């Protein structure tokens, strides 16, 4: 997983549903999705909507495997939040 992280840059435009929607539009039917994500989804198409549309379009129930990654910038932000007194 560390090798994969070296190619990922967080830019604030995460859309976990974009690949699902693209595959639906291209009529590509699969049984499983494997996602590597920081789970900071903040742009449409959102995964939950794209997944629902995909499953309805093709009459399938997808098996979804999600691997959460935390990039260095996110680690620093989480540390800062953890140290903040509320």
PDB file of N, CA and C in Angstrom:
ATOM      1  N   UNK A   1       0.806  -1.183   0.000  1.00  0.00           N
ATOM      2  CA  UNK A   1       0.000   0.000   0.000  1.00  0.00           C
ATOM      3  C   UNK A   1       0.860   1.261   0.000  1.00  0.00           C
ATOM      4  N   UNK A   2       2.007   1.227   0.647  1.00  0.00           N
ATOM      5  CA  UNK A   2       2.873   2.404   0.668  1.00  0.00           C
ATOM      6  C   UNK A   2       3.304   2.805  -0.737  1.00  0.00           C
ATOM      7  N   UNK A   3       3.537   1.816  -1.595  1.00  0.00           N
ATOM      8  CA  UNK A   3       3.910   2.099  -2.977  1.00  0.00           C
ATOM      9  C   UNK A   3       2.796   2.878  -3.675  1.00  0.00           C
ATOM     10  N   UNK A   4       1.545   2.459  -3.473  1.00  0.00           N
ATOM     11  CA  UNK A   4       0.406   3.146  -4.095  1.00  0.00           C
ATOM     12  C   UNK A   4       0.276   4.575  -3.584  1.00  0.00           C
ATOM     13  N   UNK A   5       0.504   4.783  -2.298  1.00  0.00           N
ATOM     14  CA  UNK A   5       0.353   6.121  -1.716  1.00  0.00           C
ATOM     15  C   UNK A   5       1.305   7.122  -2.342  1.00  0.00           C
ATOM     16  N   UNK A   6       2.441   6.664  -2.828  1.00  0.00           N
ATOM     17  CA  UNK A   6       3.413   7.590  -3.390  1.00  0.00           C
ATOM     18  C   UNK A   6       2.901   8.236  -4.677  1.00  0.00           C
ATOM     19  N   UNK A   7       1.857   7.688  -5.273  1.00  0.00           N
ATOM     20  CA  UNK A   7       1.292   8.230  -6.506  1.00  0.00           C
ATOM     21  C   UNK A   7      -0.010   9.002  -6.287  1.00  0.00           C
ATOM     22  N   UNK A   8      -0.446   9.106  -5.049  1.00  0.00           N
ATOM     23  CA  UNK A   8      -1.713   9.763  -4.748  1.00  0.00           C
ATOM     24  C   UNK A   8      -1.443  11.152  -4.185  1.00  0.00           C
ATOM     25  N   UNK A   9      -2.124  12.140  -4.743  1.00  0.00           N
ATOM     26  CA  UNK A   9      -2.026  13.508  -4.241  1.00  0.00           C
ATOM     27  C   UNK A   9      -3.411  13.997  -3.858  1.00  0.00           C
ATOM     28  N   UNK A  10      -3.579  14.438  -2.632  1.00  0.00           N
ATOM     29  CA  UNK A  10      -4.861  14.974  -2.187  1.00  0.00           C
ATOM     30  C   UNK A  10      -5.001  16.390  -2.702  1.00  0.00           C
ATOM     31  N   UNK A  11      -6.076  16.633  -3.451  1.00  0.00           N
ATOM     32  CA  UNK A  11      -6.283  17.961  -4.009  1.00  0.00           C
ATOM     33  C   UNK A  11      -7.637  18.553  -3.673  1.00  0.00           C
ATOM     34  N   UNK A  12      -8.409  17.850  -2.835  1.00  0.00           N
ATOM     35  CA  UNK A  12      -9.693  18.385  -2.403  1.00  0.00           C
ATOM     36  C   UNK A  12     -10.834  18.143  -3.374  1.00  0.00           C
ATOM     37  N   UNK A  13     -10.643  17.291  -4.365  1.00  0.00           N
ATOM     38  CA  UNK A  13     -11.702  17.038  -5.334  1.00  0.00           C
ATOM     39  C   UNK A  13     -12.102  15.578  -5.389  1.00  0.00           C
ATOM     40  N   UNK A  14     -12.069  14.900  -4.264  1.00  0.00           N
ATOM     41  CA  UNK A  14     -12.353  13.468  -4.236  1.00  0.00           C
ATOM     42  C   UNK A  14     -13.801  13.185  -4.627  1.00  0.00           C
ATOM     43  N   UNK A  15     -13.969  12.323  -5.607  1.00  0.00           N
ATOM     44  CA  UNK A  15     -15.285  11.842  -6.022  1.00  0.00           C
ATOM     45  C   UNK A  15     -15.181  10.337  -6.177  1.00  0.00           C
ATOM     46  N   UNK A  16     -15.576   9.615  -5.147  1.00  0.00           N
ATOM     47  CA  UNK A  16     -15.470   8.154  -5.181  1.00  0.00           C
ATOM     48  C   UNK A  16     -16.427   7.533  -6.196  1.00  0.00           C
ATOM     49  N   UNK A  17     -17.447   8.245  -6.586  1.00  0.00           N
ATOM     50  CA  UNK A  17     -18.423   7.705  -7.527  1.00  0.00           C
ATOM     51  C   UNK A  17     -18.094   7.928  -8.986  1.00  0.00           C
ATOM     52  N   UNK A  18     -17.058   8.704  -9.294  1.00  0.00           N
ATOM     53  CA  UNK A  18     -16.798   9.040 -10.702  1.00  0.00           C
ATOM     54  C   UNK A  18     -16.475   7.806 -11.540  1.00  0.00           C
ATOM     55  N   UNK A  19     -15.699   6.885 -11.031  1.00  0.00           N
ATOM     56  CA  UNK A  19     -15.377   5.675 -11.795  1.00  0.00           C
ATOM     57  C   UNK A  19     -16.598   4.782 -11.948  1.00  0.00           C
ATOM     58  N   UNK A  20     -17.424   4.705 -10.915  1.00  0.00           N
ATOM     59  CA  UNK A  20     -18.635   3.887 -10.970  1.00  0.00           C
ATOM     60  C   UNK A  20     -19.574   4.439 -12.033  1.00  0.00           C
ATOM     61  N   UNK A  21     -19.750   5.737 -12.044  1.00  0.00           N
ATOM     62  CA  UNK A  21     -20.639   6.368 -13.027  1.00  0.00           C
ATOM     63  C   UNK A  21     -20.085   6.213 -14.442  1.00  0.00           C
ATOM     64  N   UNK A  22     -18.783   6.368 -14.603  1.00  0.00           N
ATOM     65  CA  UNK A  22     -18.163   6.191 -15.924  1.00  0.00           C
ATOM     66  C   UNK A  22     -18.378   4.767 -16.430  1.00  0.00           C
ATOM     67  N   UNK A  23     -18.251   3.782 -15.556  1.00  0.00           N
ATOM     68  CA  UNK A  23     -18.454   2.392 -15.963  1.00  0.00           C
ATOM     69  C   UNK A  23     -19.918   2.134 -16.300  1.00  0.00           C
ATOM     70  N   UNK A  24     -20.827   2.754 -15.568  1.00  0.00           N
ATOM     71  CA  UNK A  24     -22.254   2.596 -15.875  1.00  0.00           C
ATOM     72  C   UNK A  24     -22.555   3.156 -17.260  1.00  0.00           C
ATOM     73  N   UNK A  25     -22.043   4.340 -17.548  1.00  0.00           N
ATOM     74  CA  UNK A  25     -22.288   4.969 -18.843  1.00  0.00           C
ATOM     75  C   UNK A  25     -21.667   4.189 -19.996  1.00  0.00           C
ATOM     76  N   UNK A  26     -20.532   3.528 -19.728  1.00  0.00           N
ATOM     77  CA  UNK A  26     -19.868   2.720 -20.764  1.00  0.00           C
ATOM     78  C   UNK A  26     -20.413   1.292 -20.820  1.00  0.00           C
ATOM     79  N   UNK A  27     -21.425   1.022 -19.992  1.00  0.00           N
ATOM     80  CA  UNK A  27     -22.072  -0.298 -19.943  1.00  0.00           C
ATOM     81  C   UNK A  27     -21.095  -1.413 -19.582  1.00  0.00           C
ATOM     82  N   UNK A  28     -20.196  -1.098 -18.662  1.00  0.00           N
ATOM     83  CA  UNK A  28     -19.240  -2.080 -18.159  1.00  0.00           C
ATOM     84  C   UNK A  28     -19.792  -2.668 -16.864  1.00  0.00           C
ATOM     85  N   UNK A  29     -20.086  -3.941 -16.878  1.00  0.00           N
ATOM     86  CA  UNK A  29     -20.706  -4.593 -15.735  1.00  0.00           C
ATOM     87  C   UNK A  29     -19.669  -5.435 -14.998  1.00  0.00           C
ATOM     88  N   UNK A  30     -19.558  -5.206 -13.702  1.00  0.00           N
ATOM     89  CA  UNK A  30     -18.656  -5.970 -12.853  1.00  0.00           C
ATOM     90  C   UNK A  30     -19.404  -6.393 -11.594  1.00  0.00           C
ATOM     91  N   UNK A  31     -18.798  -7.245 -10.820  1.00  0.00           N
ATOM     92  CA  UNK A  31     -19.399  -7.702  -9.569  1.00  0.00           C
ATOM     93  C   UNK A  31     -18.750  -7.063  -8.356  1.00  0.00           C
ATOM     94  N   UNK A  32     -17.561  -6.481  -8.540  1.00  0.00           N
ATOM     95  CA  UNK A  32     -16.826  -5.968  -7.396  1.00  0.00           C
ATOM     96  C   UNK A  32     -16.045  -4.712  -7.762  1.00  0.00           C
ATOM     97  N   UNK A  33     -16.030  -3.764  -6.832  1.00  0.00           N
ATOM     98  CA  UNK A  33     -15.201  -2.570  -6.935  1.00  0.00           C
ATOM     99  C   UNK A  33     -14.191  -2.599  -5.795  1.00  0.00           C
ATOM    100  N   UNK A  34     -12.967  -2.223  -6.101  1.00  0.00           N
ATOM    101  CA  UNK A  34     -11.942  -2.058  -5.074  1.00  0.00           C
ATOM    102  C   UNK A  34     -11.521  -0.606  -5.122  1.00  0.00           C
ATOM    103  N   UNK A  35     -11.724   0.099  -4.020  1.00  0.00           N
ATOM    104  CA  UNK A  35     -11.409   1.526  -3.961  1.00  0.00           C
ATOM    105  C   UNK A  35     -10.278   1.783  -2.977  1.00  0.00           C
ATOM    106  N   UNK A  36      -9.383   2.667  -3.352  1.00  0.00           N
ATOM    107  CA  UNK A  36      -8.368   3.180  -2.448  1.00  0.00           C
ATOM    108  C   UNK A  36      -8.694   4.652  -2.300  1.00  0.00           C
ATOM    109  N   UNK A  37      -9.040   5.083  -1.109  1.00  0.00           N
ATOM    110  CA  UNK A  37      -9.554   6.430  -0.915  1.00  0.00           C
ATOM    111  C   UNK A  37      -9.190   6.970   0.453  1.00  0.00           C
ATOM    112  N   UNK A  38      -9.156   8.286   0.554  1.00  0.00           N
ATOM    113  CA  UNK A  38      -8.978   8.913   1.863  1.00  0.00           C
ATOM    114  C   UNK A  38     -10.335   9.105   2.540  1.00  0.00           C
ATOM    115  N   UNK A  39     -11.399   8.690   1.866  1.00  0.00           N
ATOM    116  CA  UNK A  39     -12.774   8.773   2.350  1.00  0.00           C
ATOM    117  C   UNK A  39     -13.204  10.200   2.620  1.00  0.00           C
ATOM    118  N   UNK A  40     -12.519  11.148   2.024  1.00  0.00           N
ATOM    119  CA  UNK A  40     -12.878  12.555   2.168  1.00  0.00           C
ATOM    120  C   UNK A  40     -13.670  13.018   0.959  1.00  0.00           C
ATOM    121  N   UNK A  41     -14.653  12.256   0.558  1.00  0.00           N
ATOM    122  CA  UNK A  41     -15.434  12.545  -0.642  1.00  0.00           C
ATOM    123  C   UNK A  41     -16.106  13.907  -0.521  1.00  0.00           C
ATOM    124  N   UNK A  42     -15.844  14.782  -1.497  1.00  0.00           N
ATOM    125  CA  UNK A  42     -16.419  16.125  -1.436  1.00  0.00           C
ATOM    126  C   UNK A  42     -16.834  16.665  -2.799  1.00  0.00           C
ATOM    127  N   UNK A  43     -16.940  15.785  -3.793  1.00  0.00           N
ATOM    128  CA  UNK A  43     -17.367  16.198  -5.132  1.00  0.00           C
ATOM    129  C   UNK A  43     -18.274  15.121  -5.731  1.00  0.00           C
ATOM    130  N   UNK A  44     -19.249  15.566  -6.490  1.00  0.00           N
ATOM    131  CA  UNK A  44     -20.140  14.640  -7.180  1.00  0.00           C
ATOM    132  C   UNK A  44     -19.446  14.091  -8.424  1.00  0.00           C
ATOM    133  N   UNK A  45     -19.825  12.915  -8.859  1.00  0.00           N
ATOM    134  CA  UNK A  45     -20.876  12.057  -8.301  1.00  0.00           C
ATOM    135  C   UNK A  45     -20.396  11.349  -7.032  1.00  0.00           C
ATOM    136  N   UNK A  46     -21.253  11.366  -6.033  1.00  0.00           N
ATOM    137  CA  UNK A  46     -20.932  10.718  -4.771  1.00  0.00           C
ATOM    138  C   UNK A  46     -21.114   9.212  -4.903  1.00  0.00           C
ATOM    139  N   UNK A  47     -20.292   8.463  -4.182  1.00  0.00           N
ATOM    140  CA  UNK A  47     -20.287   7.010  -4.330  1.00  0.00           C
ATOM    141  C   UNK A  47     -21.650   6.397  -4.064  1.00  0.00           C
ATOM    142  N   UNK A  48     -22.318   6.807  -3.013  1.00  0.00           N
ATOM    143  CA  UNK A  48     -23.595   6.176  -2.660  1.00  0.00           C
ATOM    144  C   UNK A  48     -24.607   6.331  -3.790  1.00  0.00           C
ATOM    145  N   UNK A  49     -24.640   7.484  -4.442  1.00  0.00           N
ATOM    146  CA  UNK A  49     -25.568   7.708  -5.555  1.00  0.00           C
ATOM    147  C   UNK A  49     -25.150   6.912  -6.792  1.00  0.00           C
ATOM    148  N   UNK A  50     -23.861   6.933  -7.111  1.00  0.00           N
ATOM    149  CA  UNK A  50     -23.364   6.211  -8.283  1.00  0.00           C
ATOM    150  C   UNK A  50     -23.559   4.708  -8.122  1.00  0.00           C
ATOM    151  N   UNK A  51     -23.320   4.199  -6.924  1.00  0.00           N
ATOM    152  CA  UNK A  51     -23.505   2.772  -6.647  1.00  0.00           C
ATOM    153  C   UNK A  51     -24.971   2.385  -6.837  1.00  0.00           C
ATOM    154  N   UNK A  52     -25.861   3.188  -6.289  1.00  0.00           N
ATOM    155  CA  UNK A  52     -27.297   2.913  -6.415  1.00  0.00           C
ATOM    156  C   UNK A  52     -27.714   2.905  -7.892  1.00  0.00           C
ATOM    157  N   UNK A  53     -27.277   3.898  -8.661  1.00  0.00           N
ATOM    158  CA  UNK A  53     -27.625   3.975 -10.082  1.00  0.00           C
ATOM    159  C   UNK A  53     -27.050   2.799 -10.863  1.00  0.00           C
ATOM    160  N   UNK A  54     -25.815   2.428 -10.549  1.00  0.00           N
ATOM    161  CA  UNK A  54     -25.152   1.303 -11.221  1.00  0.00           C
ATOM    162  C   UNK A  54     -25.930   0.014 -10.971  1.00  0.00           C
ATOM    163  N   UNK A  55     -26.237  -0.241  -9.720  1.00  0.00           N
ATOM    164  CA  UNK A  55     -26.946  -1.475  -9.361  1.00  0.00           C
ATOM    165  C   UNK A  55     -28.332  -1.530 -10.004  1.00  0.00           C
ATOM    166  N   UNK A  56     -29.042  -0.414 -10.017  1.00  0.00           N
ATOM    167  CA  UNK A  56     -30.364  -0.375 -10.656  1.00  0.00           C
ATOM    168  C   UNK A  56     -30.255  -0.580 -12.160  1.00  0.00           C
ATOM    169  N   UNK A  57     -29.254   0.031 -12.771  1.00  0.00           N
ATOM    170  CA  UNK A  57     -29.098  -0.068 -14.226  1.00  0.00           C
ATOM    171  C   UNK A  57     -28.818  -1.493 -14.689  1.00  0.00           C
ATOM    172  N   UNK A  58     -28.014  -2.223 -13.918  1.00  0.00           N
ATOM    173  CA  UNK A  58     -27.572  -3.544 -14.365  1.00  0.00           C
ATOM    174  C   UNK A  58     -28.150  -4.696 -13.557  1.00  0.00           C
ATOM    175  N   UNK A  59     -28.975  -4.396 -12.562  1.00  0.00           N
ATOM    176  CA  UNK A  59     -29.593  -5.458 -11.775  1.00  0.00           C
ATOM    177  C   UNK A  59     -28.586  -6.292 -11.004  1.00  0.00           C
ATOM    178  N   UNK A  60     -27.564  -5.640 -10.499  1.00  0.00           N
ATOM    179  CA  UNK A  60     -26.530  -6.342  -9.730  1.00  0.00           C
ATOM    180  C   UNK A  60     -26.417  -5.738  -8.336  1.00  0.00           C
ATOM    181  N   UNK A  61     -25.818  -6.478  -7.442  1.00  0.00           N
ATOM    182  CA  UNK A  61     -25.443  -5.969  -6.124  1.00  0.00           C
ATOM    183  C   UNK A  61     -23.930  -6.048  -6.067  1.00  0.00           C
ATOM    184  N   UNK A  62     -23.300  -4.909  -5.938  1.00  0.00           N
ATOM    185  CA  UNK A  62     -21.838  -4.855  -5.963  1.00  0.00           C
ATOM    186  C   UNK A  62     -21.223  -5.225  -4.630  1.00  0.00           C
ATOM    187  N   UNK A  63     -20.138  -5.936  -4.693  1.00  0.00           N
ATOM    188  CA  UNK A  63     -19.280  -6.159  -3.537  1.00  0.00           C
ATOM    189  C   UNK A  63     -18.242  -5.039  -3.582  1.00  0.00           C
ATOM    190  N   UNK A  64     -18.166  -4.245  -2.534  1.00  0.00           N
ATOM    191  CA  UNK A  64     -17.253  -3.102  -2.510  1.00  0.00           C
ATOM    192  C   UNK A  64     -16.193  -3.328  -1.437  1.00  0.00           C
ATOM    193  N   UNK A  65     -14.934  -3.256  -1.862  1.00  0.00           N
ATOM    194  CA  UNK A  65     -13.806  -3.340  -0.952  1.00  0.00           C
ATOM    195  C   UNK A  65     -13.173  -1.953  -0.922  1.00  0.00           C
ATOM    196  N   UNK A  66     -13.069  -1.382   0.258  1.00  0.00           N
ATOM    197  CA  UNK A  66     -12.524  -0.030   0.382  1.00  0.00           C
ATOM    198  C   UNK A  66     -11.298  -0.049   1.281  1.00  0.00           C
ATOM    199  N   UNK A  67     -10.211   0.497   0.788  1.00  0.00           N
ATOM    200  CA  UNK A  67      -8.977   0.607   1.557  1.00  0.00           C
ATOM    201  C   UNK A  67      -8.746   2.085   1.843  1.00  0.00           C
ATOM    202  N   UNK A  68      -8.804   2.446   3.107  1.00  0.00           N
ATOM    203  CA  UNK A  68      -8.592   3.844   3.484  1.00  0.00           C
ATOM    204  C   UNK A  68      -7.098   4.128   3.576  1.00  0.00           C
ATOM    205  N   UNK A  69      -6.695   5.237   2.985  1.00  0.00           N
ATOM    206  CA  UNK A  69      -5.324   5.701   3.095  1.00  0.00           C
ATOM    207  C   UNK A  69      -5.339   7.085   3.723  1.00  0.00           C
ATOM    208  N   UNK A  70      -4.302   7.374   4.468  1.00  0.00           N
ATOM    209  CA  UNK A  70      -4.174   8.696   5.050  1.00  0.00           C
ATOM    210  C   UNK A  70      -2.836   9.259   4.588  1.00  0.00           C
ATOM    211  N   UNK A  71      -2.901  10.327   3.839  1.00  0.00           N
ATOM    212  CA  UNK A  71      -1.692  10.953   3.327  1.00  0.00           C
ATOM    213  C   UNK A  71      -1.072  11.841   4.393  1.00  0.00           C
ATOM    214  N   UNK A  72       0.188  12.184   4.236  1.00  0.00           N
ATOM    215  CA  UNK A  72       0.915  12.931   5.268  1.00  0.00           C
ATOM    216  C   UNK A  72       0.205  14.227   5.670  1.00  0.00           C
ATOM    217  N   UNK A  73      -0.303  14.964   4.714  1.00  0.00           N
ATOM    218  CA  UNK A  73      -1.013  16.202   5.042  1.00  0.00           C
ATOM    219  C   UNK A  73      -2.231  15.959   5.913  1.00  0.00           C
ATOM    220  N   UNK A  74      -2.902  14.846   5.671  1.00  0.00           N
ATOM    221  CA  UNK A  74      -4.061  14.498   6.483  1.00  0.00           C
ATOM    222  C   UNK A  74      -3.630  14.099   7.884  1.00  0.00           C
ATOM    223  N   UNK A  75      -2.514  13.392   8.006  1.00  0.00           N
ATOM    224  CA  UNK A  75      -2.010  12.997   9.327  1.00  0.00           C
ATOM    225  C   UNK A  75      -1.728  14.240  10.176  1.00  0.00           C
ATOM    226  N   UNK A  76      -1.105  15.230   9.566  1.00  0.00           N
ATOM    227  CA  UNK A  76      -0.774  16.446  10.301  1.00  0.00           C
ATOM    228  C   UNK A  76      -2.045  17.143  10.758  1.00  0.00           C
ATOM    229  N   UNK A  77      -3.049  17.198   9.893  1.00  0.00           N
ATOM    230  CA  UNK A  77      -4.304  17.834  10.246  1.00  0.00           C
ATOM    231  C   UNK A  77      -4.999  17.071  11.367  1.00  0.00           C
ATOM    232  N   UNK A  78      -4.995  15.742  11.314  1.00  0.00           N
ATOM    233  CA  UNK A  78      -5.614  14.939  12.374  1.00  0.00           C
ATOM    234  C   UNK A  78      -4.879  15.140  13.696  1.00  0.00           C
ATOM    235  N   UNK A  79      -3.540  15.204  13.643  1.00  0.00           N
ATOM    236  CA  UNK A  79      -2.771  15.457  14.866  1.00  0.00           C
ATOM    237  C   UNK A  79      -3.145  16.808  15.459  1.00  0.00           C
ATOM    238  N   UNK A  80      -3.252  17.823  14.597  1.00  0.00           N
ATOM    239  CA  UNK A  80      -3.601  19.168  15.062  1.00  0.00           C
ATOM    240  C   UNK A  80      -4.994  19.149  15.722  1.00  0.00           C
ATOM    241  N   UNK A  81      -5.947  18.488  15.098  1.00  0.00           N
ATOM    242  CA  UNK A  81      -7.288  18.418  15.666  1.00  0.00           C
ATOM    243  C   UNK A  81      -7.285  17.680  16.990  1.00  0.00           C
ATOM    244  N   UNK A  82      -6.494  16.632  17.085  1.00  0.00           N
ATOM    245  CA  UNK A  82      -6.426  15.843  18.323  1.00  0.00           C
ATOM    246  C   UNK A  82      -5.825  16.668  19.469  1.00  0.00           C
ATOM    247  N   UNK A  83      -4.919  17.592  19.126  1.00  0.00           N
ATOM    248  CA  UNK A  83      -4.269  18.403  20.140  1.00  0.00           C
ATOM    249  C   UNK A  83      -5.064  19.643  20.511  1.00  0.00           C
ATOM    250  N   UNK A  84      -6.086  19.957  19.742  1.00  0.00           N
ATOM    251  CA  UNK A  84      -6.905  21.147  19.990  1.00  0.00           C
ATOM    252  C   UNK A  84      -7.833  20.903  21.169  1.00  0.00           C
ATOM    253  N   UNK A  85      -7.871  21.839  22.071  1.00  0.00           N
ATOM    254  CA  UNK A  85      -8.783  21.734  23.202  1.00  0.00           C
ATOM    255  C   UNK A  85     -10.142  22.265  22.774  1.00  0.00           C
ATOM    256  N   UNK A  86     -11.162  21.528  23.101  1.00  0.00           N
ATOM    257  CA  UNK A  86     -12.516  21.938  22.705  1.00  0.00           C
ATOM    258  C   UNK A  86     -13.198  22.637  23.835  1.00  0.00           C
TER     259      UNK A  86
END
